Amino acid sequence: MNLNSVYQELTSKPQGKIALVVMDGVGDIAIKENNYLTPLEAAKTPNLDLLAKDSAQGRMIPVAPGITPGSGPGHLGLFGYDPLEYEVGRGVIEALGLGIELKPGDVAARANFCTLDENGIVIDRRAGRIPTEICEKLCDMLSKKIKKIGDVEVIIKPGKEHRFVVVLRGKGMEGPLTDADPQKVGFPIPPVEPKGTKSAKAKKTAKIIAELYK
């Protein structure tokens, strides 16, 4: 019997709605400026205190000790999947969440709008966290301008604030690819390249993304 079978046997249908509140990153570290308290310890938290009185609480390790996961593996772990067994990229999760029906061979990527200076250097990785309405207008503009690159259909759909999804639909593509986010301001957008593979399909996908940036 595997762990999934155990979960299925123990699962019961709830009588009402359940709110799962994830305090992602709230732990932080104690610093001298807070009298060696963590920000959460130093903060006034009347609403969290009230919520905690009527809640079931706990801590969890979503992947394994010593592994700091990204959003994709972290969310899979929260909902009972083993991220080491089920490797699902963030783009796939975001695309499905936005109602895009993915097909075999699709490549999905989670994307951010960002702000560049006149030299192409990233000065804000989230474009000032633009309102969702502006993101929708930008994605609509891009969707009308970029429908296909070569033989690949390009699907662009807005998410919340600065976030959006790009789905590449065509033949002969695959990942994984390196990240186009430099992770820090003060750097240019790095070129996307095949990650850990030299396959022709991954090279084609990277080339399509390079054309998309143009």
N, C-alpha and C. Protein backbone atom coordinates (compact mmCIF):
# COMPACT_ATOMS: atom_id res chain seq x y z
N MET A 1 0.85 -1.20 0.00
CA MET A 1 0.00 0.00 0.00
C MET A 1 0.89 1.25 0.00
N ASN A 2 0.64 2.16 -0.95
CA ASN A 2 1.41 3.38 -0.97
C ASN A 2 0.70 4.49 -0.20
N LEU A 3 1.37 5.63 -0.07
CA LEU A 3 0.84 6.71 0.74
C LEU A 3 -0.46 7.28 0.18
N ASN A 4 -0.57 7.34 -1.15
CA ASN A 4 -1.80 7.85 -1.76
C ASN A 4 -3.00 6.98 -1.39
N SER A 5 -2.80 5.67 -1.33
CA SER A 5 -3.88 4.77 -0.95
C SER A 5 -4.31 5.01 0.49
N VAL A 6 -3.33 5.28 1.35
CA VAL A 6 -3.65 5.58 2.75
C VAL A 6 -4.47 6.85 2.85
N TYR A 7 -4.06 7.88 2.10
CA TYR A 7 -4.81 9.14 2.11
C TYR A 7 -6.26 8.91 1.65
N GLN A 8 -6.44 8.11 0.61
CA GLN A 8 -7.78 7.87 0.09
C GLN A 8 -8.67 7.19 1.11
N GLU A 9 -8.09 6.28 1.89
CA GLU A 9 -8.87 5.57 2.91
C GLU A 9 -9.24 6.49 4.07
N LEU A 10 -8.36 7.45 4.37
CA LEU A 10 -8.58 8.34 5.51
C LEU A 10 -9.42 9.57 5.16
N THR A 11 -9.59 9.82 3.87
CA THR A 11 -10.30 11.02 3.45
C THR A 11 -11.80 10.91 3.71
N SER A 12 -12.35 11.98 4.27
CA SER A 12 -13.80 12.06 4.48
C SER A 12 -14.32 13.36 3.89
N LYS A 13 -15.55 13.33 3.42
CA LYS A 13 -16.14 14.50 2.78
C LYS A 13 -16.51 15.54 3.84
N PRO A 14 -16.04 16.77 3.71
CA PRO A 14 -16.35 17.79 4.71
C PRO A 14 -17.81 18.21 4.64
N GLN A 15 -18.33 18.66 5.77
CA GLN A 15 -19.72 19.10 5.85
C GLN A 15 -19.89 20.56 5.42
N GLY A 16 -18.80 21.27 5.36
CA GLY A 16 -18.87 22.68 4.96
C GLY A 16 -17.64 23.06 4.15
N LYS A 17 -17.45 24.35 4.00
CA LYS A 17 -16.30 24.83 3.24
C LYS A 17 -15.08 24.95 4.16
N ILE A 18 -13.90 24.75 3.57
CA ILE A 18 -12.65 24.84 4.31
C ILE A 18 -11.76 25.90 3.66
N ALA A 19 -11.22 26.80 4.45
CA ALA A 19 -10.28 27.80 3.96
C ALA A 19 -8.87 27.39 4.36
N LEU A 20 -8.01 27.20 3.38
CA LEU A 20 -6.61 26.86 3.64
C LEU A 20 -5.79 28.13 3.54
N VAL A 21 -5.27 28.59 4.65
CA VAL A 21 -4.47 29.82 4.70
C VAL A 21 -3.01 29.44 4.83
N VAL A 22 -2.21 29.79 3.83
CA VAL A 22 -0.79 29.43 3.81
C VAL A 22 0.02 30.67 4.14
N MET A 23 0.73 30.65 5.24
CA MET A 23 1.56 31.77 5.66
C MET A 23 2.95 31.61 5.07
N ASP A 24 3.02 31.69 3.76
CA ASP A 24 4.26 31.43 3.03
C ASP A 24 5.31 32.51 3.34
N GLY A 25 6.42 32.10 3.93
CA GLY A 25 7.52 33.02 4.21
C GLY A 25 7.33 33.88 5.44
N VAL A 26 6.29 33.63 6.22
CA VAL A 26 6.02 34.52 7.35
C VAL A 26 7.02 34.32 8.50
N GLY A 27 7.72 33.20 8.49
CA GLY A 27 8.65 32.92 9.58
C GLY A 27 9.76 33.94 9.70
N ASP A 28 10.44 34.21 8.59
CA ASP A 28 11.52 35.19 8.53
C ASP A 28 12.58 34.89 9.60
N ILE A 29 13.42 35.87 9.92
CA ILE A 29 14.48 35.68 10.90
C ILE A 29 14.48 36.80 11.93
N ALA A 30 15.00 36.51 13.10
CA ALA A 30 15.11 37.53 14.16
C ALA A 30 16.26 38.48 13.83
N ILE A 31 16.03 39.78 14.00
CA ILE A 31 17.05 40.78 13.71
C ILE A 31 17.22 41.74 14.88
N LYS A 32 18.38 42.36 14.94
CA LYS A 32 18.71 43.26 16.04
C LYS A 32 17.73 44.42 16.13
N GLU A 33 17.32 44.96 14.96
CA GLU A 33 16.42 46.11 14.93
C GLU A 33 15.07 45.81 15.57
N ASN A 34 14.68 44.54 15.63
CA ASN A 34 13.43 44.13 16.28
C ASN A 34 13.68 43.52 17.65
N ASN A 35 14.80 43.91 18.26
CA ASN A 35 15.16 43.37 19.58
C ASN A 35 15.27 41.85 19.53
N TYR A 36 15.83 41.37 18.42
CA TYR A 36 16.07 39.96 18.18
C TYR A 36 14.77 39.14 18.19
N LEU A 37 13.72 39.77 17.69
CA LEU A 37 12.46 39.08 17.45
C LEU A 37 12.27 38.95 15.94
N THR A 38 11.54 37.95 15.53
CA THR A 38 11.18 37.86 14.12
C THR A 38 10.12 38.92 13.83
N PRO A 39 9.93 39.31 12.57
CA PRO A 39 8.87 40.28 12.26
C PRO A 39 7.50 39.84 12.76
N LEU A 40 7.21 38.54 12.70
CA LEU A 40 5.91 38.06 13.17
C LEU A 40 5.81 38.17 14.69
N GLU A 41 6.89 37.91 15.38
CA GLU A 41 6.88 38.04 16.84
C GLU A 41 6.71 39.50 17.26
N ALA A 42 7.29 40.41 16.48
CA ALA A 42 7.25 41.83 16.83
C ALA A 42 5.95 42.50 16.40
N ALA A 43 5.24 41.90 15.45
CA ALA A 43 4.04 42.53 14.89
C ALA A 43 2.83 42.38 15.81
N LYS A 44 1.90 43.32 15.66
CA LYS A 44 0.60 43.20 16.32
C LYS A 44 -0.32 42.44 15.37
N THR A 45 -0.84 41.32 15.85
CA THR A 45 -1.58 40.41 14.95
C THR A 45 -2.95 40.05 15.51
N PRO A 46 -3.81 41.03 15.79
CA PRO A 46 -5.12 40.69 16.38
C PRO A 46 -5.98 39.82 15.47
N ASN A 47 -5.94 40.07 14.16
CA ASN A 47 -6.77 39.26 13.25
C ASN A 47 -6.25 37.83 13.13
N LEU A 48 -4.93 37.69 13.04
CA LEU A 48 -4.35 36.35 12.99
C LEU A 48 -4.60 35.60 14.30
N ASP A 49 -4.50 36.32 15.42
CA ASP A 49 -4.75 35.70 16.72
C ASP A 49 -6.19 35.18 16.80
N LEU A 50 -7.14 35.99 16.32
CA LEU A 50 -8.54 35.58 16.33
C LEU A 50 -8.77 34.38 15.43
N LEU A 51 -8.15 34.40 14.25
CA LEU A 51 -8.28 33.30 13.32
C LEU A 51 -7.69 32.01 13.89
N ALA A 52 -6.56 32.16 14.58
CA ALA A 52 -5.86 30.98 15.10
C ALA A 52 -6.67 30.26 16.18
N LYS A 53 -7.50 31.02 16.93
CA LYS A 53 -8.28 30.40 18.00
C LYS A 53 -9.28 29.38 17.49
N ASP A 54 -9.75 29.58 16.26
CA ASP A 54 -10.77 28.69 15.71
C ASP A 54 -10.24 27.89 14.53
N SER A 55 -8.95 27.63 14.51
CA SER A 55 -8.34 26.95 13.36
C SER A 55 -7.50 25.77 13.80
N ALA A 56 -7.29 24.87 12.87
CA ALA A 56 -6.30 23.81 13.05
C ALA A 56 -5.01 24.32 12.42
N GLN A 57 -3.92 24.27 13.17
CA GLN A 57 -2.67 24.85 12.70
C GLN A 57 -1.57 23.80 12.64
N GLY A 58 -0.54 24.11 11.89
CA GLY A 58 0.59 23.21 11.82
C GLY A 58 1.64 23.71 10.87
N ARG A 59 2.78 23.09 10.89
CA ARG A 59 3.86 23.38 9.96
C ARG A 59 4.13 22.15 9.13
N MET A 60 4.62 22.37 7.93
CA MET A 60 4.91 21.22 7.07
C MET A 60 6.15 21.48 6.24
N ILE A 61 6.80 20.42 5.84
CA ILE A 61 7.92 20.48 4.90
C ILE A 61 7.39 19.98 3.57
N PRO A 62 7.15 20.86 2.59
CA PRO A 62 6.47 20.45 1.37
C PRO A 62 7.24 19.48 0.49
N VAL A 63 8.57 19.51 0.54
CA VAL A 63 9.36 18.60 -0.31
C VAL A 63 10.19 17.67 0.57
N ALA A 64 11.26 18.18 1.15
CA ALA A 64 12.14 17.39 2.00
C ALA A 64 13.01 18.35 2.80
N PRO A 65 13.55 17.91 3.94
CA PRO A 65 14.41 18.79 4.73
C PRO A 65 15.59 19.31 3.90
N GLY A 66 15.83 20.61 3.98
CA GLY A 66 16.95 21.22 3.27
C GLY A 66 16.64 21.66 1.86
N ILE A 67 15.43 21.38 1.37
CA ILE A 67 15.04 21.78 0.02
C ILE A 67 14.06 22.94 0.11
N THR A 68 14.42 24.06 -0.48
CA THR A 68 13.53 25.22 -0.53
C THR A 68 12.83 25.22 -1.89
N PRO A 69 11.55 24.88 -1.93
CA PRO A 69 10.87 24.74 -3.21
C PRO A 69 10.36 26.06 -3.77
N GLY A 70 10.15 26.09 -5.07
CA GLY A 70 9.46 27.20 -5.69
C GLY A 70 7.96 27.03 -5.51
N SER A 71 7.20 27.93 -6.11
CA SER A 71 5.75 27.90 -5.93
C SER A 71 5.12 26.62 -6.46
N GLY A 72 5.61 26.14 -7.62
CA GLY A 72 5.03 24.94 -8.21
C GLY A 72 5.12 23.73 -7.29
N PRO A 73 6.32 23.29 -6.93
CA PRO A 73 6.46 22.14 -6.03
C PRO A 73 5.82 22.40 -4.67
N GLY A 74 5.91 23.65 -4.20
CA GLY A 74 5.32 23.98 -2.90
C GLY A 74 3.83 23.75 -2.87
N HIS A 75 3.13 24.18 -3.93
CA HIS A 75 1.68 24.00 -3.98
C HIS A 75 1.30 22.53 -4.16
N LEU A 76 2.09 21.80 -4.95
CA LEU A 76 1.82 20.37 -5.10
C LEU A 76 1.91 19.68 -3.75
N GLY A 77 2.94 20.02 -2.96
CA GLY A 77 3.11 19.44 -1.64
C GLY A 77 1.95 19.77 -0.72
N LEU A 78 1.44 21.00 -0.80
CA LEU A 78 0.33 21.42 0.05
C LEU A 78 -0.91 20.57 -0.18
N PHE A 79 -1.11 20.14 -1.42
CA PHE A 79 -2.31 19.38 -1.74
C PHE A 79 -2.06 17.88 -1.83
N GLY A 80 -0.98 17.43 -1.20
CA GLY A 80 -0.79 16.00 -1.02
C GLY A 80 0.01 15.28 -2.07
N TYR A 81 0.51 15.98 -3.07
CA TYR A 81 1.34 15.33 -4.09
C TYR A 81 2.81 15.37 -3.68
N ASP A 82 3.53 14.36 -4.05
CA ASP A 82 4.97 14.33 -3.79
C ASP A 82 5.68 15.07 -4.93
N PRO A 83 6.24 16.27 -4.66
CA PRO A 83 6.88 17.04 -5.73
C PRO A 83 8.09 16.34 -6.36
N LEU A 84 8.67 15.39 -5.64
CA LEU A 84 9.80 14.65 -6.20
C LEU A 84 9.33 13.60 -7.20
N GLU A 85 8.08 13.17 -7.05
CA GLU A 85 7.52 12.18 -7.97
C GLU A 85 6.77 12.85 -9.12
N TYR A 86 6.04 13.92 -8.79
CA TYR A 86 5.26 14.64 -9.80
C TYR A 86 5.91 15.99 -10.07
N GLU A 87 6.70 16.06 -11.13
CA GLU A 87 7.38 17.30 -11.48
C GLU A 87 6.52 18.08 -12.47
N VAL A 88 5.77 19.02 -11.94
CA VAL A 88 4.87 19.83 -12.75
C VAL A 88 5.33 21.29 -12.65
N GLY A 89 5.61 21.90 -13.78
CA GLY A 89 6.11 23.27 -13.77
C GLY A 89 5.03 24.27 -13.37
N ARG A 90 5.49 25.43 -12.96
CA ARG A 90 4.58 26.48 -12.52
C ARG A 90 3.70 26.97 -13.66
N GLY A 91 4.25 26.95 -14.87
CA GLY A 91 3.47 27.39 -16.02
C GLY A 91 2.23 26.53 -16.24
N VAL A 92 2.39 25.22 -16.06
CA VAL A 92 1.26 24.30 -16.22
C VAL A 92 0.19 24.59 -15.17
N ILE A 93 0.62 24.76 -13.93
CA ILE A 93 -0.32 25.02 -12.84
C ILE A 93 -1.06 26.34 -13.08
N GLU A 94 -0.33 27.36 -13.49
CA GLU A 94 -0.94 28.67 -13.74
C GLU A 94 -1.90 28.60 -14.92
N ALA A 95 -1.51 27.91 -15.98
CA ALA A 95 -2.37 27.81 -17.16
C ALA A 95 -3.68 27.10 -16.83
N LEU A 96 -3.59 26.00 -16.10
CA LEU A 96 -4.80 25.28 -15.71
C LEU A 96 -5.67 26.13 -14.80
N GLY A 97 -5.03 26.88 -13.90
CA GLY A 97 -5.77 27.75 -13.00
C GLY A 97 -6.52 28.86 -13.73
N LEU A 98 -6.01 29.26 -14.88
CA LEU A 98 -6.65 30.31 -15.68
C LEU A 98 -7.65 29.73 -16.69
N GLY A 99 -7.87 28.43 -16.62
CA GLY A 99 -8.88 27.81 -17.47
C GLY A 99 -8.41 27.42 -18.85
N ILE A 100 -7.11 27.39 -19.08
CA ILE A 100 -6.59 26.97 -20.38
C ILE A 100 -6.54 25.44 -20.43
N GLU A 101 -7.15 24.86 -21.43
CA GLU A 101 -7.12 23.41 -21.59
C GLU A 101 -5.87 23.03 -22.37
N LEU A 102 -4.89 22.51 -21.66
CA LEU A 102 -3.63 22.14 -22.28
C LEU A 102 -3.76 20.85 -23.08
N LYS A 103 -3.00 20.79 -24.17
CA LYS A 103 -3.00 19.61 -25.04
C LYS A 103 -1.63 18.96 -25.01
N PRO A 104 -1.54 17.68 -25.36
CA PRO A 104 -0.23 17.01 -25.41
C PRO A 104 0.73 17.78 -26.32
N GLY A 105 1.93 18.03 -25.83
CA GLY A 105 2.92 18.76 -26.61
C GLY A 105 2.96 20.25 -26.35
N ASP A 106 1.95 20.78 -25.61
CA ASP A 106 1.97 22.21 -25.27
C ASP A 106 3.12 22.52 -24.30
N VAL A 107 3.66 23.71 -24.42
CA VAL A 107 4.66 24.21 -23.47
C VAL A 107 4.07 25.45 -22.81
N ALA A 108 3.93 25.41 -21.49
CA ALA A 108 3.33 26.53 -20.76
C ALA A 108 4.37 27.20 -19.87
N ALA A 109 4.34 28.53 -19.83
CA ALA A 109 5.29 29.28 -19.02
C ALA A 109 4.56 30.37 -18.23
N ARG A 110 4.87 30.48 -16.94
CA ARG A 110 4.38 31.59 -16.14
C ARG A 110 5.29 32.79 -16.41
N ALA A 111 4.71 33.95 -16.63
CA ALA A 111 5.51 35.13 -16.99
C ALA A 111 5.12 36.33 -16.14
N ASN A 112 6.04 37.27 -16.04
CA ASN A 112 5.81 38.54 -15.37
C ASN A 112 6.05 39.69 -16.35
N PHE A 113 5.26 40.74 -16.24
CA PHE A 113 5.65 42.00 -16.85
C PHE A 113 6.69 42.64 -15.95
N CYS A 114 7.72 43.23 -16.55
CA CYS A 114 8.78 43.86 -15.77
C CYS A 114 9.09 45.23 -16.36
N THR A 115 9.91 45.98 -15.65
CA THR A 115 10.31 47.32 -16.11
C THR A 115 11.79 47.31 -16.44
N LEU A 116 12.14 47.79 -17.64
CA LEU A 116 13.53 47.87 -18.08
C LEU A 116 13.93 49.34 -18.21
N ASP A 117 15.22 49.61 -18.02
CA ASP A 117 15.71 50.96 -18.28
C ASP A 117 16.08 51.07 -19.76
N GLU A 118 16.65 52.21 -20.16
CA GLU A 118 16.95 52.44 -21.57
C GLU A 118 18.02 51.50 -22.12
N ASN A 119 18.75 50.83 -21.22
CA ASN A 119 19.79 49.89 -21.64
C ASN A 119 19.34 48.43 -21.57
N GLY A 120 18.05 48.23 -21.32
CA GLY A 120 17.54 46.87 -21.25
C GLY A 120 17.83 46.16 -19.94
N ILE A 121 18.13 46.93 -18.90
CA ILE A 121 18.42 46.35 -17.58
C ILE A 121 17.13 46.32 -16.75
N VAL A 122 16.88 45.21 -16.09
CA VAL A 122 15.68 45.07 -15.27
C VAL A 122 15.80 45.95 -14.02
N ILE A 123 14.87 46.88 -13.85
CA ILE A 123 14.87 47.74 -12.67
C ILE A 123 13.67 47.44 -11.76
N ASP A 124 12.73 46.66 -12.24
CA ASP A 124 11.62 46.20 -11.41
C ASP A 124 11.12 44.89 -12.02
N ARG A 125 11.26 43.79 -11.29
CA ARG A 125 10.90 42.47 -11.82
C ARG A 125 9.40 42.26 -11.92
N ARG A 126 8.61 43.17 -11.36
CA ARG A 126 7.15 43.00 -11.37
C ARG A 126 6.43 44.25 -11.90
N ALA A 127 7.16 45.12 -12.58
CA ALA A 127 6.56 46.31 -13.21
C ALA A 127 5.72 47.12 -12.24
N GLY A 128 6.20 47.23 -10.99
CA GLY A 128 5.46 48.01 -10.01
C GLY A 128 4.17 47.35 -9.56
N ARG A 129 4.06 46.04 -9.79
CA ARG A 129 2.83 45.30 -9.46
C ARG A 129 1.62 46.02 -10.06
N ILE A 130 1.63 46.14 -11.36
CA ILE A 130 0.58 46.85 -12.08
C ILE A 130 -0.80 46.25 -11.76
N PRO A 131 -1.86 47.06 -11.83
CA PRO A 131 -3.21 46.53 -11.60
C PRO A 131 -3.57 45.45 -12.63
N THR A 132 -4.43 44.55 -12.24
CA THR A 132 -4.85 43.46 -13.12
C THR A 132 -5.46 44.01 -14.41
N GLU A 133 -6.16 45.14 -14.31
CA GLU A 133 -6.80 45.72 -15.50
C GLU A 133 -5.76 46.09 -16.56
N ILE A 134 -4.63 46.62 -16.12
CA ILE A 134 -3.56 46.97 -17.07
C ILE A 134 -2.94 45.72 -17.66
N CYS A 135 -2.76 44.70 -16.83
CA CYS A 135 -2.23 43.42 -17.31
C CYS A 135 -3.14 42.85 -18.40
N GLU A 136 -4.45 42.94 -18.18
CA GLU A 136 -5.40 42.42 -19.17
C GLU A 136 -5.29 43.18 -20.49
N LYS A 137 -5.12 44.50 -20.42
CA LYS A 137 -4.99 45.30 -21.64
C LYS A 137 -3.69 44.96 -22.38
N LEU A 138 -2.61 44.80 -21.63
CA LEU A 138 -1.33 44.47 -22.25
C LEU A 138 -1.37 43.09 -22.91
N CYS A 139 -1.98 42.13 -22.22
CA CYS A 139 -2.08 40.78 -22.77
C CYS A 139 -2.96 40.76 -24.01
N ASP A 140 -4.02 41.56 -24.00
CA ASP A 140 -4.90 41.65 -25.17
C ASP A 140 -4.13 42.22 -26.36
N MET A 141 -3.32 43.24 -26.10
CA MET A 141 -2.51 43.84 -27.15
C MET A 141 -1.50 42.84 -27.71
N LEU A 142 -0.84 42.10 -26.81
CA LEU A 142 0.14 41.11 -27.25
C LEU A 142 -0.52 39.97 -28.02
N SER A 143 -1.70 39.55 -27.56
CA SER A 143 -2.40 38.45 -28.22
C SER A 143 -2.78 38.81 -29.65
N LYS A 144 -3.16 40.06 -29.87
CA LYS A 144 -3.53 40.49 -31.21
C LYS A 144 -2.31 40.63 -32.12
N LYS A 145 -1.18 40.98 -31.51
CA LYS A 145 0.04 41.20 -32.29
C LYS A 145 0.80 39.90 -32.55
N ILE A 146 0.77 39.00 -31.59
CA ILE A 146 1.55 37.76 -31.70
C ILE A 146 0.61 36.56 -31.65
N LYS A 147 0.20 36.08 -32.79
CA LYS A 147 -0.68 34.92 -32.85
C LYS A 147 0.09 33.63 -33.15
N LYS A 148 1.12 33.75 -33.98
CA LYS A 148 1.94 32.60 -34.33
C LYS A 148 3.40 33.02 -34.51
N ILE A 149 4.29 32.12 -34.18
CA ILE A 149 5.71 32.28 -34.47
C ILE A 149 6.12 31.04 -35.24
N GLY A 150 6.36 31.21 -36.54
CA GLY A 150 6.62 30.05 -37.37
C GLY A 150 5.38 29.18 -37.44
N ASP A 151 5.53 27.89 -37.08
CA ASP A 151 4.38 26.99 -37.10
C ASP A 151 3.79 26.78 -35.71
N VAL A 152 4.13 27.68 -34.77
CA VAL A 152 3.71 27.53 -33.38
C VAL A 152 2.67 28.60 -33.02
N GLU A 153 1.53 28.15 -32.51
CA GLU A 153 0.50 29.06 -32.03
C GLU A 153 0.91 29.60 -30.66
N VAL A 154 0.68 30.90 -30.45
CA VAL A 154 1.03 31.54 -29.18
C VAL A 154 -0.25 31.97 -28.48
N ILE A 155 -0.46 31.45 -27.27
CA ILE A 155 -1.64 31.79 -26.47
C ILE A 155 -1.17 32.58 -25.25
N ILE A 156 -1.71 33.78 -25.08
CA ILE A 156 -1.33 34.64 -23.96
C ILE A 156 -2.58 34.98 -23.16
N LYS A 157 -2.53 34.72 -21.86
CA LYS A 157 -3.71 34.98 -21.02
C LYS A 157 -3.27 35.66 -19.73
N PRO A 158 -3.97 36.74 -19.32
CA PRO A 158 -3.58 37.47 -18.12
C PRO A 158 -3.94 36.74 -16.83
N GLY A 159 -3.12 36.98 -15.82
CA GLY A 159 -3.42 36.50 -14.48
C GLY A 159 -3.70 37.69 -13.58
N LYS A 160 -3.24 37.65 -12.35
CA LYS A 160 -3.41 38.74 -11.40
C LYS A 160 -2.22 39.69 -11.46
N GLU A 161 -2.51 40.98 -11.37
CA GLU A 161 -1.48 42.03 -11.35
C GLU A 161 -0.52 41.87 -12.53
N HIS A 162 0.78 41.66 -12.25
CA HIS A 162 1.81 41.61 -13.28
C HIS A 162 1.96 40.24 -13.93
N ARG A 163 1.19 39.26 -13.50
CA ARG A 163 1.41 37.88 -13.92
C ARG A 163 0.58 37.52 -15.15
N PHE A 164 1.14 36.69 -16.01
CA PHE A 164 0.38 36.16 -17.14
C PHE A 164 0.98 34.83 -17.57
N VAL A 165 0.31 34.18 -18.50
CA VAL A 165 0.74 32.86 -18.96
C VAL A 165 0.92 32.89 -20.47
N VAL A 166 1.96 32.21 -20.92
CA VAL A 166 2.20 32.02 -22.35
C VAL A 166 2.20 30.51 -22.62
N VAL A 167 1.35 30.10 -23.55
CA VAL A 167 1.30 28.69 -23.96
C VAL A 167 1.71 28.61 -25.42
N LEU A 168 2.69 27.78 -25.70
CA LEU A 168 3.15 27.54 -27.07
C LEU A 168 2.56 26.22 -27.54
N ARG A 169 1.83 26.27 -28.63
CA ARG A 169 1.13 25.08 -29.12
C ARG A 169 1.58 24.76 -30.55
N GLY A 170 2.21 23.63 -30.71
CA GLY A 170 2.71 23.22 -32.02
C GLY A 170 3.41 21.88 -31.91
N LYS A 171 4.05 21.48 -32.96
CA LYS A 171 4.74 20.19 -32.98
C LYS A 171 6.23 20.35 -32.69
N GLY A 172 6.79 19.33 -32.06
CA GLY A 172 8.24 19.26 -31.90
C GLY A 172 8.81 20.19 -30.86
N MET A 173 8.10 20.36 -29.72
CA MET A 173 8.62 21.23 -28.66
C MET A 173 8.61 20.48 -27.33
N GLU A 174 9.52 20.90 -26.45
CA GLU A 174 9.56 20.34 -25.11
C GLU A 174 10.48 21.19 -24.24
N GLY A 175 10.43 20.97 -22.94
CA GLY A 175 11.34 21.60 -21.99
C GLY A 175 12.22 20.51 -21.41
N PRO A 176 12.86 20.80 -20.27
CA PRO A 176 12.81 22.06 -19.54
C PRO A 176 13.76 23.11 -20.12
N LEU A 177 13.47 24.37 -19.79
CA LEU A 177 14.30 25.49 -20.23
C LEU A 177 14.77 26.30 -19.03
N THR A 178 15.81 27.07 -19.23
CA THR A 178 16.29 27.95 -18.16
C THR A 178 15.33 29.11 -17.99
N ASP A 179 15.43 29.79 -16.85
CA ASP A 179 14.52 30.89 -16.51
C ASP A 179 14.95 32.18 -17.20
N ALA A 180 13.97 32.94 -17.68
CA ALA A 180 14.26 34.24 -18.29
C ALA A 180 14.23 35.36 -17.25
N ASP A 181 13.98 35.02 -16.01
CA ASP A 181 13.99 36.00 -14.92
C ASP A 181 15.37 36.02 -14.29
N PRO A 182 16.06 37.17 -14.27
CA PRO A 182 17.39 37.21 -13.65
C PRO A 182 17.35 37.04 -12.14
N GLN A 183 16.15 37.10 -11.54
CA GLN A 183 15.94 36.95 -10.10
C GLN A 183 16.40 38.15 -9.28
N LYS A 184 17.11 39.09 -9.92
CA LYS A 184 17.57 40.30 -9.24
C LYS A 184 17.46 41.47 -10.20
N VAL A 185 17.26 42.67 -9.64
CA VAL A 185 17.29 43.86 -10.49
C VAL A 185 18.75 44.20 -10.78
N GLY A 186 18.95 44.99 -11.83
CA GLY A 186 20.30 45.39 -12.19
C GLY A 186 20.96 44.49 -13.22
N PHE A 187 20.17 43.56 -13.77
CA PHE A 187 20.71 42.64 -14.76
C PHE A 187 19.78 42.62 -15.98
N PRO A 188 20.31 42.28 -17.17
CA PRO A 188 19.45 42.14 -18.34
C PRO A 188 18.67 40.84 -18.27
N ILE A 189 17.66 40.72 -19.12
CA ILE A 189 16.91 39.47 -19.21
C ILE A 189 17.80 38.41 -19.85
N PRO A 190 18.08 37.32 -19.18
CA PRO A 190 18.98 36.31 -19.76
C PRO A 190 18.29 35.53 -20.87
N PRO A 191 19.04 35.06 -21.85
CA PRO A 191 18.45 34.24 -22.91
C PRO A 191 17.99 32.90 -22.37
N VAL A 192 16.90 32.40 -22.91
CA VAL A 192 16.36 31.10 -22.52
C VAL A 192 17.08 30.01 -23.29
N GLU A 193 17.52 28.98 -22.58
CA GLU A 193 18.25 27.89 -23.19
C GLU A 193 17.74 26.55 -22.67
N PRO A 194 17.94 25.48 -23.43
CA PRO A 194 17.57 24.15 -22.91
C PRO A 194 18.31 23.87 -21.60
N LYS A 195 17.60 23.26 -20.67
CA LYS A 195 18.17 22.99 -19.35
C LYS A 195 18.40 21.49 -19.19
N GLY A 196 19.66 21.12 -19.13
CA GLY A 196 20.00 19.72 -18.92
C GLY A 196 19.68 18.82 -20.08
N THR A 197 19.51 19.37 -21.25
CA THR A 197 19.20 18.56 -22.43
C THR A 197 19.74 19.24 -23.68
N LYS A 198 20.02 18.45 -24.70
CA LYS A 198 20.47 19.00 -25.97
C LYS A 198 19.52 18.61 -27.10
N SER A 199 18.29 18.30 -26.73
CA SER A 199 17.33 17.82 -27.72
C SER A 199 16.95 18.93 -28.70
N ALA A 200 16.64 18.52 -29.90
CA ALA A 200 16.23 19.46 -30.94
C ALA A 200 14.91 20.13 -30.58
N LYS A 201 14.03 19.40 -29.88
CA LYS A 201 12.74 19.96 -29.47
C LYS A 201 12.92 21.10 -28.47
N ALA A 202 13.82 20.91 -27.51
CA ALA A 202 14.07 21.96 -26.53
C ALA A 202 14.73 23.17 -27.18
N LYS A 203 15.62 22.92 -28.14
CA LYS A 203 16.27 24.02 -28.85
C LYS A 203 15.25 24.82 -29.65
N LYS A 204 14.29 24.12 -30.26
CA LYS A 204 13.24 24.82 -31.01
C LYS A 204 12.40 25.68 -30.08
N THR A 205 12.06 25.15 -28.92
CA THR A 205 11.25 25.90 -27.96
C THR A 205 11.98 27.15 -27.49
N ALA A 206 13.28 27.01 -27.21
CA ALA A 206 14.06 28.17 -26.78
C ALA A 206 14.12 29.23 -27.88
N LYS A 207 14.21 28.78 -29.11
CA LYS A 207 14.27 29.72 -30.25
C LYS A 207 12.94 30.47 -30.39
N ILE A 208 11.83 29.76 -30.20
CA ILE A 208 10.52 30.39 -30.29
C ILE A 208 10.37 31.46 -29.20
N ILE A 209 10.84 31.16 -28.00
CA ILE A 209 10.75 32.12 -26.90
C ILE A 209 11.63 33.34 -27.18
N ALA A 210 12.80 33.12 -27.77
CA ALA A 210 13.68 34.23 -28.13
C ALA A 210 12.98 35.16 -29.15
N GLU A 211 12.24 34.56 -30.09
CA GLU A 211 11.49 35.35 -31.06
C GLU A 211 10.35 36.10 -30.38
N LEU A 212 9.76 35.47 -29.38
CA LEU A 212 8.66 36.11 -28.65
C LEU A 212 9.13 37.39 -27.95
N TYR A 213 10.35 37.36 -27.42
CA TYR A 213 10.89 38.54 -26.72
C TYR A 213 11.16 39.69 -27.67
N LYS A 214 11.40 39.39 -28.95
CA LYS A 214 11.68 40.45 -29.90
C LYS A 214 10.44 41.31 -30.16
